[in-house]
Each structure stands twice: as C-alpha cells, then as structure tokens.
Amino acid sequence: MMSTPAIVQTRQAFPSAKITLFISKTIYPLFQNYEYVDNFLIYQGGYKGFISDIIKMRTLKPDLVLMFHSNGPMDIPSAILSGAKYNFKDFKK
C-alpha cells in the first residue's frame, strides 16, 4: 500500500508505459482493479516458484524494474534475473 503514490507518479510520468506489478498473491486482491497497472505477475513468495517467476518476468522483456518496499532474499536476484536493462531499489533505512 505504501507504493501506491509511486505507482501513480510512474504512470503519470510515463503514460504510455506498460506497467506490470510483481505482487504477492495475498496482496493481489487489493490491487486487482488498480487503474494504474496494466498487468500483474503474482508470485508465491520465498523460494517457492522462483524459477517459474523468473521465466515469466523474462517473457515480459522489461526495460526497467522499480523495487518499492521489496523484501529479501529474492527481491534483488529476481530483478537482476528479470533481464531488465535497469534496476532501481530504494535502499533507505
């Protein structure tokens, strides 16, 4: 939920971008009809389904991965293995 303003701002800055939200199945119902997102890639969390999630991400051919409030240990490896040209993560503590 903390990411919603950033998603809105991303959509406003890049109105023609195709935005896919990589999201937990437990949170997905909250975003199901979210108008600022074009697609959803639902993951199980942790190591379960990691390889299939990476394959799904790579088929999307992302240009950019933005990690908002991501959780380890799979967040950074997922972003790197997605095949995106650019990866950004907020490392504030």
C-alpha atoms as a PDB file:
ATOM      1  CA  MET A   1       0.000   0.000   0.000  1.00  0.00           C
ATOM      2  CA  MET A   2       2.927   2.323   0.656  1.00  0.00           C
ATOM      3  CA  SER A   3       3.894   2.050  -3.023  1.00  0.00           C
ATOM      4  CA  THR A   4       0.629   3.338  -4.471  1.00  0.00           C
ATOM      5  CA  PRO A   5       1.738   7.005  -4.734  1.00  0.00           C
ATOM      6  CA  ALA A   6       4.927   5.929  -6.513  1.00  0.00           C
ATOM      7  CA  ILE A   7       2.946   3.782  -8.950  1.00  0.00           C
ATOM      8  CA  VAL A   8       0.600   6.680  -9.690  1.00  0.00           C
ATOM      9  CA  GLN A   9       3.538   9.031 -10.254  1.00  0.00           C
ATOM     10  CA  THR A  10       5.240   6.491 -12.523  1.00  0.00           C
ATOM     11  CA  ARG A  11       2.069   6.212 -14.626  1.00  0.00           C
ATOM     12  CA  GLN A  12       1.737   9.996 -14.832  1.00  0.00           C
ATOM     13  CA  ALA A  13       5.382  10.413 -15.822  1.00  0.00           C
ATOM     14  CA  PHE A  14       5.216   7.598 -18.409  1.00  0.00           C
ATOM     15  CA  PRO A  15       1.597   7.398 -19.601  1.00  0.00           C
ATOM     16  CA  SER A  16       2.323   5.009 -22.483  1.00  0.00           C
ATOM     17  CA  ALA A  17       4.490   2.629 -20.427  1.00  0.00           C
ATOM     18  CA  LYS A  18       3.258  -0.901 -19.833  1.00  0.00           C
ATOM     19  CA  ILE A  19       3.339  -1.341 -16.055  1.00  0.00           C
ATOM     20  CA  THR A  20       3.339  -4.831 -14.581  1.00  0.00           C
ATOM     21  CA  LEU A  21       3.134  -5.249 -10.835  1.00  0.00           C
ATOM     22  CA  PHE A  22       5.068  -8.216  -9.402  1.00  0.00           C
ATOM     23  CA  ILE A  23       2.909  -8.853  -6.376  1.00  0.00           C
ATOM     24  CA  SER A  24       2.199 -11.398  -3.662  1.00  0.00           C
ATOM     25  CA  LYS A  25      -0.969 -13.440  -4.063  1.00  0.00           C
ATOM     26  CA  THR A  26      -2.076 -12.275  -0.614  1.00  0.00           C
ATOM     27  CA  ILE A  27      -1.953  -8.587  -1.631  1.00  0.00           C
ATOM     28  CA  TYR A  28      -3.240  -9.010  -5.190  1.00  0.00           C
ATOM     29  CA  PRO A  29      -6.964  -8.668  -4.265  1.00  0.00           C
ATOM     30  CA  LEU A  30      -6.271  -5.116  -3.047  1.00  0.00           C
ATOM     31  CA  PHE A  31      -4.853  -4.128  -6.451  1.00  0.00           C
ATOM     32  CA  GLN A  32      -6.963  -6.323  -8.724  1.00  0.00           C
ATOM     33  CA  ASN A  33      -8.740  -3.407 -10.455  1.00  0.00           C
ATOM     34  CA  TYR A  34      -5.995  -0.836  -9.958  1.00  0.00           C
ATOM     35  CA  GLU A  35      -6.223   1.535 -12.924  1.00  0.00           C
ATOM     36  CA  TYR A  36      -2.528   2.483 -12.946  1.00  0.00           C
ATOM     37  CA  VAL A  37      -1.287  -1.054 -13.619  1.00  0.00           C
ATOM     38  CA  ASP A  38      -1.641  -2.906 -16.919  1.00  0.00           C
ATOM     39  CA  ASN A  39      -0.645  -6.384 -15.792  1.00  0.00           C
ATOM     40  CA  PHE A  40       0.041  -8.440 -12.709  1.00  0.00           C
ATOM     41  CA  LEU A  41       2.624 -11.115 -12.134  1.00  0.00           C
ATOM     42  CA  ILE A  42       1.616 -12.955  -8.980  1.00  0.00           C
ATOM     43  CA  TYR A  43       4.308 -14.764  -7.002  1.00  0.00           C
ATOM     44  CA  GLN A  44       4.180 -17.213  -4.131  1.00  0.00           C
ATOM     45  CA  GLY A  45       6.983 -15.668  -2.067  1.00  0.00           C
ATOM     46  CA  GLY A  46      10.315 -17.045  -0.929  1.00  0.00           C
ATOM     47  CA  TYR A  47      11.962 -19.755  -2.982  1.00  0.00           C
ATOM     48  CA  LYS A  48       8.721 -21.427  -3.986  1.00  0.00           C
ATOM     49  CA  GLY A  49       8.216 -20.928  -7.708  1.00  0.00           C
ATOM     50  CA  PHE A  50      11.306 -18.727  -8.054  1.00  0.00           C
ATOM     51  CA  ILE A  51      12.431 -20.211 -11.390  1.00  0.00           C
ATOM     52  CA  SER A  52       8.941 -20.023 -12.942  1.00  0.00           C
ATOM     53  CA  ASP A  53       8.591 -16.405 -11.740  1.00  0.00           C
ATOM     54  CA  ILE A  54      11.904 -15.512 -13.398  1.00  0.00           C
ATOM     55  CA  ILE A  55      10.797 -17.150 -16.651  1.00  0.00           C
ATOM     56  CA  LYS A  56       7.512 -15.192 -16.544  1.00  0.00           C
ATOM     57  CA  MET A  57       9.376 -11.944 -15.909  1.00  0.00           C
ATOM     58  CA  ARG A  58      11.843 -12.569 -18.746  1.00  0.00           C
ATOM     59  CA  THR A  59       8.997 -13.130 -21.238  1.00  0.00           C
ATOM     60  CA  LEU A  60       7.762  -9.614 -20.445  1.00  0.00           C
ATOM     61  CA  LYS A  61      11.149  -8.185 -21.559  1.00  0.00           C
ATOM     62  CA  PRO A  62      11.123  -5.320 -19.047  1.00  0.00           C
ATOM     63  CA  ASP A  63      13.177  -2.205 -19.645  1.00  0.00           C
ATOM     64  CA  LEU A  64      13.070  -1.136 -16.019  1.00  0.00           C
ATOM     65  CA  VAL A  65      12.455  -2.702 -12.612  1.00  0.00           C
ATOM     66  CA  LEU A  66      11.468  -0.408  -9.738  1.00  0.00           C
ATOM     67  CA  MET A  67      11.565  -2.085  -6.346  1.00  0.00           C
ATOM     68  CA  PHE A  68       9.270  -0.401  -3.846  1.00  0.00           C
ATOM     69  CA  HIS A  69       9.347  -1.827  -0.326  1.00  0.00           C
ATOM     70  CA  SER A  70      10.841  -5.069  -1.556  1.00  0.00           C
ATOM     71  CA  ASN A  71      11.644  -7.949   0.739  1.00  0.00           C
ATOM     72  CA  GLY A  72      14.647 -10.241   0.605  1.00  0.00           C
ATOM     73  CA  PRO A  73      16.074 -12.576  -0.079  1.00  0.00           C
ATOM     74  CA  MET A  74      14.572 -12.897  -3.562  1.00  0.00           C
ATOM     75  CA  ASP A  75      13.961  -9.242  -4.481  1.00  0.00           C
ATOM     76  CA  ILE A  76      17.348  -8.275  -5.874  1.00  0.00           C
ATOM     77  CA  PRO A  77      18.082 -11.645  -7.573  1.00  0.00           C
ATOM     78  CA  SER A  78      14.616 -11.500  -9.187  1.00  0.00           C
ATOM     79  CA  ALA A  79      15.236  -8.003 -10.509  1.00  0.00           C
ATOM     80  CA  ILE A  80      18.666  -8.896 -11.853  1.00  0.00           C
ATOM     81  CA  LEU A  81      17.495 -12.131 -13.464  1.00  0.00           C
ATOM     82  CA  SER A  82      14.427 -10.441 -14.994  1.00  0.00           C
ATOM     83  CA  GLY A  83      16.557  -9.291 -17.907  1.00  0.00           C
ATOM     84  CA  ALA A  84      15.665  -5.631 -17.382  1.00  0.00           C
ATOM     85  CA  LYS A  85      18.132  -3.048 -18.652  1.00  0.00           C
ATOM     86  CA  TYR A  86      17.776  -1.002 -15.460  1.00  0.00           C
ATOM     87  CA  ASN A  87      17.019  -1.896 -11.832  1.00  0.00           C
ATOM     88  CA  PHE A  88      16.291   0.631  -9.098  1.00  0.00           C
ATOM     89  CA  LYS A  89      15.778  -0.090  -5.422  1.00  0.00           C
ATOM     90  CA  ASP A  90      15.277   2.302  -2.548  1.00  0.00           C
ATOM     91  CA  PHE A  91      17.970   1.448  -0.023  1.00  0.00           C
ATOM     92  CA  LYS A  92      16.878   3.959   2.626  1.00  0.00           C
ATOM     93  CA  LYS A  93      16.912   2.679   6.168  1.00  0.00           C
END
